[in-house]
């Protein structure tokens, strides 16, 4: 039987030159890896809408998708994912940018030193290449 491909949308949230990053828990897939908020798309759900929903569920923050940064199909040991990374901004930046769920705001250059999943590598390269690359 063919491997079922799971659609996943990721919110790459930028605010005041920092990015919203968390760390996966010790149990489950990709344990201990750095992550942007995101998760599985619902059937017929647009990637941008899934990124917004997942960010709200995981961090409590409302975001607005600006554009798709990157998309790819990546095969992990546990399955194949169609990944969409969406550059987002806070919907209400004047409100405190405090995030829940263990997520924190990190400067762009800190992203290079974190242990993200393999599929995130091109996104990290884009974000750290310079301000004109991601925005």
Protein backbone atom coordinates (compact mmCIF):
# COMPACT_ATOMS: atom_id res chain seq x y z
CA UNK A 1 0.00 0.00 0.00
CA UNK A 2 1.29 3.45 -0.89
CA UNK A 3 2.41 5.79 1.84
CA UNK A 4 -0.37 8.29 2.62
CA UNK A 5 0.88 11.86 2.37
CA UNK A 6 -0.10 14.15 5.24
CA UNK A 7 -0.52 17.88 4.56
CA UNK A 8 1.09 20.10 7.21
CA UNK A 9 1.09 23.90 7.47
CA UNK A 10 3.61 25.85 9.53
CA UNK A 11 3.34 29.46 10.74
CA UNK A 12 6.69 31.24 10.59
CA UNK A 13 5.73 34.22 12.74
CA UNK A 14 7.95 37.33 12.70
CA UNK A 15 7.55 40.21 15.16
CA UNK A 16 10.06 43.02 15.77
CA UNK A 17 12.87 41.10 14.11
CA UNK A 18 12.26 37.92 16.11
CA UNK A 19 10.66 34.57 15.25
CA UNK A 20 8.29 32.44 17.30
CA UNK A 21 9.98 29.11 18.12
CA UNK A 22 9.20 26.23 20.46
CA UNK A 23 10.73 22.87 21.30
CA UNK A 24 8.96 19.56 20.75
CA UNK A 25 8.34 17.53 23.88
CA UNK A 26 10.42 14.50 24.89
CA UNK A 27 7.84 11.98 23.61
CA UNK A 28 6.56 11.56 20.06
CA UNK A 29 7.97 12.27 16.64
CA UNK A 30 11.01 14.52 16.28
CA UNK A 31 11.30 14.79 20.07
CA UNK A 32 13.42 17.69 21.34
CA UNK A 33 13.62 19.41 17.97
CA UNK A 34 12.99 23.14 17.54
CA UNK A 35 9.74 23.96 15.77
CA UNK A 36 7.59 26.74 14.45
CA UNK A 37 3.88 26.47 15.34
CA UNK A 38 2.04 24.25 12.92
CA UNK A 39 0.28 20.99 12.30
CA UNK A 40 -1.92 18.86 10.09
CA UNK A 41 -4.30 20.50 7.65
CA UNK A 42 -7.94 19.53 7.90
CA UNK A 43 -9.53 18.03 4.77
CA UNK A 44 -10.01 20.80 2.15
CA UNK A 45 -8.37 23.40 4.43
CA UNK A 46 -6.07 25.92 2.77
CA UNK A 47 -2.49 25.86 4.06
CA UNK A 48 -2.64 29.50 5.13
CA UNK A 49 -5.81 28.86 7.17
CA UNK A 50 -4.27 25.79 8.80
CA UNK A 51 -1.14 27.77 9.76
CA UNK A 52 -3.32 30.46 11.40
CA UNK A 53 -5.45 27.86 13.22
CA UNK A 54 -2.48 25.83 14.44
CA UNK A 55 -0.67 28.96 15.66
CA UNK A 56 -3.76 30.01 17.64
CA UNK A 57 -4.17 26.49 19.12
CA UNK A 58 -0.50 26.10 20.06
CA UNK A 59 0.42 29.63 21.19
CA UNK A 60 -2.80 31.57 21.77
CA UNK A 61 -1.67 34.20 19.26
CA UNK A 62 -3.72 35.44 16.30
CA UNK A 63 -1.65 35.83 13.13
CA UNK A 64 -2.17 36.94 9.55
CA UNK A 65 -0.48 34.98 6.76
CA UNK A 66 1.55 37.20 4.41
CA UNK A 67 2.83 34.71 1.85
CA UNK A 68 4.05 31.16 1.44
CA UNK A 69 7.77 31.06 2.14
CA UNK A 70 8.46 27.52 1.05
CA UNK A 71 6.76 24.23 0.26
CA UNK A 72 8.17 20.73 -0.09
CA UNK A 73 7.44 17.04 0.24
CA UNK A 74 9.61 15.37 2.86
CA UNK A 75 9.83 11.72 3.82
CA UNK A 76 10.52 10.92 7.46
CA UNK A 77 10.79 7.44 8.97
CA UNK A 78 7.21 7.77 10.23
CA UNK A 79 5.65 9.01 6.96
CA UNK A 80 5.61 11.49 4.12
CA UNK A 81 4.59 15.12 4.62
CA UNK A 82 3.61 17.86 2.21
CA UNK A 83 4.83 20.91 4.12
CA UNK A 84 3.82 24.54 3.60
CA UNK A 85 5.69 27.23 5.52
CA UNK A 86 3.76 30.52 5.79
CA UNK A 87 5.37 33.80 6.78
CA UNK A 88 2.97 35.43 9.25
CA UNK A 89 2.70 38.56 11.36
CA UNK A 90 0.76 39.22 14.53
CA UNK A 91 -2.83 40.30 13.89
CA UNK A 92 -2.59 42.87 16.70
CA UNK A 93 1.09 43.73 17.23
CA UNK A 94 0.29 46.48 19.74
CA UNK A 95 -0.93 43.79 22.14
CA UNK A 96 1.73 41.96 24.11
CA UNK A 97 3.40 39.33 21.98
CA UNK A 98 3.53 36.88 24.89
CA UNK A 99 3.11 33.38 23.52
CA UNK A 100 1.89 30.28 25.30
CA UNK A 101 2.67 26.62 24.79
CA UNK A 102 6.39 26.98 25.48
CA UNK A 103 7.00 29.17 22.42
CA UNK A 104 9.35 32.14 22.65
CA UNK A 105 10.60 34.97 20.44
CA UNK A 106 14.15 34.44 19.18
CA UNK A 107 16.37 36.65 17.03
CA UNK A 108 16.81 35.44 13.46
CA UNK A 109 20.50 34.58 13.89
CA UNK A 110 19.64 32.23 16.81
CA UNK A 111 17.71 30.03 14.37
CA UNK A 112 20.98 28.77 12.86
CA UNK A 113 22.05 27.16 16.14
CA UNK A 114 18.77 25.33 16.83
CA UNK A 115 18.10 21.69 15.99
CA UNK A 116 15.13 21.97 13.60
CA UNK A 117 13.78 18.98 11.64
CA UNK A 118 15.59 18.36 8.35
CA UNK A 119 12.70 19.67 6.21
CA UNK A 120 13.03 23.10 7.87
CA UNK A 121 16.62 23.66 6.67
CA UNK A 122 15.71 25.61 3.48
CA UNK A 123 13.40 27.88 5.51
CA UNK A 124 16.16 28.63 8.04
CA UNK A 125 18.49 29.46 5.14
CA UNK A 126 15.87 31.83 3.69
CA UNK A 127 15.24 33.56 7.01
CA UNK A 128 18.91 33.99 7.89
CA UNK A 129 20.05 35.12 4.42
CA UNK A 130 18.93 38.69 5.07
CA UNK A 131 15.89 40.87 5.66
CA UNK A 132 14.91 41.02 2.01
CA UNK A 133 14.79 37.23 1.69
CA UNK A 134 11.86 36.38 3.94
CA UNK A 135 9.76 39.53 3.85
